[in-house]
Amino acid sequence: METDLPFPSRPNRADVVARHKAAGGRVAAVLPVHPPRALLLAHGVLPLEVWGPPGQDTSTADVHLQSYTCSVVRAGLAFVQSPAGQGVDLLVVPHTCDSLQALGSLLLDLLPPGKPVLPFYLPRESGAPALRFLAAELRALSGKLARITGVATDEATLMEAIVAEEAADRRVAALLARRTTLGLSAREFLAWVRLREYLPPDDFVPLADALLAR
């Protein structure tokens, strides 16, 4: 039943990152698309999705990129070079396109030693061979994360993270289905949905439920 409950407060990205790091966790900047969020969380790493922050000054990135490079790569590199980007502990770069693959290679040269850059290759086809390829990529990435963080994971821990991620995704679907009845402008609604870019699922789910309960 819809109510006149007030809107819950929306957490700030910097505060979420600071709280996670204060608790001993690490933060990964993840480029689009399909980052292995559950795997990162299972290793104690908070995924911080980078889609090109609005208003990001890309001048520091432009000197390293061709003029025709897409805005996502340009803004992503500029963010990584910014003070906020310098606060992340590692980067995950899915091979979504050739531009992002090239960015992954470029970051290996531009970032200071001790800040790992982890490429993540996605299968280009479907079927059993693609699943085997993806499983091998995830196992390799899990091994690298274990060495970086010192946090090993097991099937039960990973499944718990997967279940939490799926619960958060279901809330996003519910918000999308109710977007015209929530009393939010298009900008406000997008700000709520984009909490998934940095908010852990255990924090996102109750906030989304409170929003849906209005």
Protein backbone atom coordinates (compact mmCIF):
# COMPACT_ATOMS: atom_id res chain seq x y z
CA MET A 1 0.00 0.00 0.00
CA GLU A 2 1.32 3.43 -0.88
CA THR A 3 1.82 5.85 2.04
CA ASP A 4 2.93 9.41 2.64
CA LEU A 5 6.17 8.26 4.30
CA PRO A 6 9.05 10.72 3.83
CA PHE A 7 11.81 9.89 1.40
CA PRO A 8 14.78 8.14 3.04
CA SER A 9 18.08 9.99 2.86
CA ARG A 10 20.37 9.08 -0.02
CA PRO A 11 23.92 8.02 0.99
CA ASN A 12 26.85 9.99 -0.38
CA ARG A 13 29.37 8.07 -2.50
CA ALA A 14 32.40 9.46 -0.66
CA ASP A 15 30.88 8.57 2.72
CA VAL A 16 30.16 5.00 1.60
CA VAL A 17 33.71 4.56 0.36
CA ALA A 18 35.22 6.05 3.52
CA ARG A 19 33.09 3.82 5.76
CA HIS A 20 34.05 0.69 3.84
CA LYS A 21 37.77 1.51 3.97
CA ALA A 22 37.57 2.41 7.67
CA ALA A 23 36.22 -1.10 8.29
CA GLY A 24 39.32 -2.56 6.63
CA GLY A 25 37.86 -3.18 3.18
CA ARG A 26 39.28 -2.24 -0.18
CA VAL A 27 37.63 -0.31 -3.01
CA ALA A 28 37.82 -1.16 -6.71
CA ALA A 29 37.00 1.24 -9.52
CA VAL A 30 35.20 -0.92 -12.10
CA LEU A 31 34.67 0.17 -15.68
CA PRO A 32 31.51 -0.86 -17.59
CA VAL A 33 29.94 -3.23 -18.24
CA HIS A 34 29.06 -6.43 -16.30
CA PRO A 35 31.71 -6.17 -13.59
CA PRO A 36 31.86 -9.27 -11.35
CA ARG A 37 30.35 -7.44 -8.39
CA ALA A 38 29.53 -10.51 -6.31
CA LEU A 39 33.07 -11.87 -6.67
CA LEU A 40 34.56 -8.57 -5.56
CA LEU A 41 32.26 -8.36 -2.55
CA ALA A 42 33.12 -11.93 -1.57
CA HIS A 43 36.76 -10.82 -1.32
CA GLY A 44 35.88 -7.78 0.79
CA VAL A 45 36.20 -5.33 -2.13
CA LEU A 46 33.55 -2.66 -2.71
CA PRO A 47 32.86 -2.18 -6.45
CA LEU A 48 32.71 1.48 -7.42
CA GLU A 49 31.29 1.67 -10.94
CA VAL A 50 32.76 4.37 -13.18
CA TRP A 51 30.55 5.42 -16.09
CA GLY A 52 32.01 8.87 -16.53
CA PRO A 53 31.00 11.13 -13.63
CA PRO A 54 28.93 14.12 -14.79
CA GLY A 55 30.97 17.27 -15.13
CA GLN A 56 34.26 15.37 -15.04
CA ASP A 57 37.13 17.46 -16.43
CA THR A 58 38.80 15.18 -19.00
CA SER A 59 41.79 17.38 -19.82
CA THR A 60 44.20 15.14 -17.91
CA ALA A 61 42.96 12.14 -19.88
CA ASP A 62 42.80 13.83 -23.28
CA VAL A 63 46.59 14.07 -23.54
CA HIS A 64 46.82 10.27 -23.46
CA LEU A 65 43.94 9.42 -25.81
CA GLN A 66 43.07 9.82 -29.47
CA SER A 67 40.53 12.53 -30.21
CA TYR A 68 37.92 9.98 -31.33
CA THR A 69 38.00 7.98 -28.07
CA CYS A 70 34.51 7.58 -26.55
CA SER A 71 33.37 9.72 -23.62
CA VAL A 72 33.08 6.74 -21.24
CA VAL A 73 36.77 5.88 -21.62
CA ARG A 74 37.81 9.54 -21.57
CA ALA A 75 35.86 10.36 -18.41
CA GLY A 76 36.83 7.04 -16.80
CA LEU A 77 40.54 7.73 -17.21
CA ALA A 78 40.10 11.30 -15.95
CA PHE A 79 38.30 9.99 -12.85
CA VAL A 80 41.06 7.47 -12.14
CA GLN A 81 43.60 10.30 -12.33
CA SER A 82 41.54 12.62 -10.11
CA PRO A 83 41.94 12.86 -6.30
CA ALA A 84 38.77 10.78 -5.84
CA GLY A 85 40.08 8.14 -8.22
CA GLN A 86 43.43 8.03 -6.47
CA GLY A 87 41.61 6.79 -3.37
CA VAL A 88 40.68 3.43 -4.93
CA ASP A 89 42.88 0.41 -4.24
CA LEU A 90 42.57 -1.41 -7.56
CA LEU A 91 40.86 -1.24 -10.93
CA VAL A 92 38.84 -3.84 -12.82
CA VAL A 93 38.51 -3.27 -16.57
CA PRO A 94 36.08 -5.61 -18.36
CA HIS A 95 36.84 -6.14 -22.04
CA THR A 96 33.52 -4.66 -23.12
CA CYS A 97 34.96 -3.09 -26.25
CA ASP A 98 38.31 -2.45 -27.89
CA SER A 99 38.51 1.03 -26.35
CA LEU A 100 38.17 -0.34 -22.82
CA GLN A 101 40.71 -3.08 -23.53
CA ALA A 102 43.15 -0.40 -24.71
CA LEU A 103 42.40 1.61 -21.56
CA GLY A 104 43.29 -1.40 -19.43
CA SER A 105 46.69 -1.56 -21.13
CA LEU A 106 47.19 2.18 -20.81
CA LEU A 107 46.41 2.16 -17.09
CA LEU A 108 49.23 -0.32 -16.49
CA ASP A 109 51.64 2.43 -17.56
CA LEU A 110 49.88 5.44 -16.03
CA LEU A 111 49.10 4.19 -12.54
CA PRO A 112 51.71 4.14 -9.77
CA PRO A 113 53.18 0.80 -8.65
CA GLY A 114 51.10 -1.03 -6.10
CA LYS A 115 47.72 -0.18 -7.65
CA PRO A 116 46.70 -3.34 -9.55
CA VAL A 117 44.81 -3.20 -12.84
CA LEU A 118 42.83 -6.37 -13.44
CA PRO A 119 41.48 -6.99 -16.96
CA PHE A 120 38.35 -9.11 -17.13
CA TYR A 121 37.53 -10.75 -20.44
CA LEU A 122 33.91 -11.44 -21.29
CA PRO A 123 32.87 -14.18 -23.75
CA ARG A 124 31.66 -12.95 -27.11
CA GLU A 125 29.33 -15.88 -27.76
CA SER A 126 26.95 -18.11 -25.84
CA GLY A 127 26.93 -21.84 -25.23
CA ALA A 128 29.07 -24.30 -23.30
CA PRO A 129 32.48 -23.05 -24.56
CA ALA A 130 31.60 -19.49 -23.55
CA LEU A 131 30.55 -20.65 -20.07
CA ARG A 132 33.81 -22.55 -19.60
CA PHE A 133 35.76 -19.50 -20.72
CA LEU A 134 33.87 -17.23 -18.31
CA ALA A 135 34.30 -19.67 -15.42
CA ALA A 136 38.05 -19.78 -16.05
CA GLU A 137 38.20 -15.97 -16.13
CA LEU A 138 36.32 -15.73 -12.83
CA ARG A 139 38.57 -18.32 -11.17
CA ALA A 140 41.68 -16.47 -12.34
CA LEU A 141 40.30 -13.15 -11.14
CA SER A 142 39.37 -14.66 -7.78
CA GLY A 143 42.94 -15.90 -7.37
CA LYS A 144 44.33 -12.44 -8.11
CA LEU A 145 41.89 -10.82 -5.67
CA ALA A 146 42.86 -13.30 -2.95
CA ARG A 147 46.53 -12.41 -3.39
CA ILE A 148 45.82 -8.66 -3.36
CA THR A 149 43.42 -8.62 -0.42
CA GLY A 150 44.59 -11.59 1.60
CA VAL A 151 40.91 -12.64 1.72
CA ALA A 152 40.17 -16.07 0.33
CA THR A 153 36.61 -17.01 -0.55
CA ASP A 154 34.66 -20.23 -0.77
CA GLU A 155 31.51 -21.39 -2.49
CA ALA A 156 29.26 -20.51 0.45
CA THR A 157 30.64 -16.96 0.75
CA LEU A 158 30.40 -16.39 -2.98
CA MET A 159 26.84 -17.71 -3.12
CA GLU A 160 25.86 -15.37 -0.28
CA ALA A 161 27.23 -12.42 -2.27
CA ILE A 162 25.41 -13.59 -5.42
CA VAL A 163 22.09 -13.88 -3.55
CA ALA A 164 22.57 -10.37 -2.12
CA GLU A 165 23.36 -8.93 -5.55
CA GLU A 166 20.31 -10.58 -7.10
CA ALA A 167 18.10 -9.19 -4.32
CA ALA A 168 19.39 -5.69 -5.07
CA ASP A 169 18.80 -6.18 -8.80
CA ARG A 170 15.21 -7.21 -8.11
CA ARG A 171 14.71 -3.94 -6.23
CA VAL A 172 16.01 -2.00 -9.22
CA ALA A 173 13.50 -3.82 -11.43
CA ALA A 174 10.72 -2.96 -8.97
CA LEU A 175 11.77 0.70 -8.91
CA LEU A 176 11.74 0.79 -12.71
CA ALA A 177 8.25 -0.73 -12.77
CA ARG A 178 7.02 1.89 -10.27
CA ARG A 179 8.98 4.87 -11.57
CA THR A 180 5.88 6.90 -12.49
CA THR A 181 4.24 6.46 -9.07
CA LEU A 182 7.12 7.30 -6.73
CA GLY A 183 6.72 11.06 -6.82
CA LEU A 184 10.23 11.56 -8.17
CA SER A 185 11.47 13.64 -11.07
CA ALA A 186 13.47 11.86 -13.76
CA ARG A 187 16.71 13.26 -12.30
CA GLU A 188 15.80 12.20 -8.75
CA PHE A 189 14.79 8.73 -9.88
CA LEU A 190 18.07 8.25 -11.74
CA ALA A 191 19.99 9.34 -8.65
CA TRP A 192 18.25 6.64 -6.61
CA VAL A 193 18.83 3.90 -9.17
CA ARG A 194 22.49 4.90 -9.51
CA LEU A 195 23.02 4.04 -5.84
CA ARG A 196 23.66 0.55 -7.21
CA GLU A 197 26.89 1.89 -8.66
CA TYR A 198 28.50 2.14 -5.24
CA LEU A 199 26.20 1.08 -2.43
CA PRO A 200 26.60 -2.48 -1.07
CA PRO A 201 23.47 -4.58 -1.65
CA ASP A 202 22.82 -5.00 2.09
CA ASP A 203 22.50 -1.22 2.32
CA PHE A 204 20.71 -0.70 -0.99
CA VAL A 205 17.90 -3.22 -0.40
CA PRO A 206 16.38 -1.59 2.74
CA LEU A 207 16.61 1.86 1.16
CA ALA A 208 14.87 0.64 -1.99
CA ASP A 209 12.21 -1.11 0.12
CA ALA A 210 11.59 2.12 2.04
CA LEU A 211 11.21 4.00 -1.22
CA LEU A 212 8.86 1.37 -2.65
CA ALA A 213 6.75 1.43 0.54
CA ARG A 214 5.71 5.04 0.00
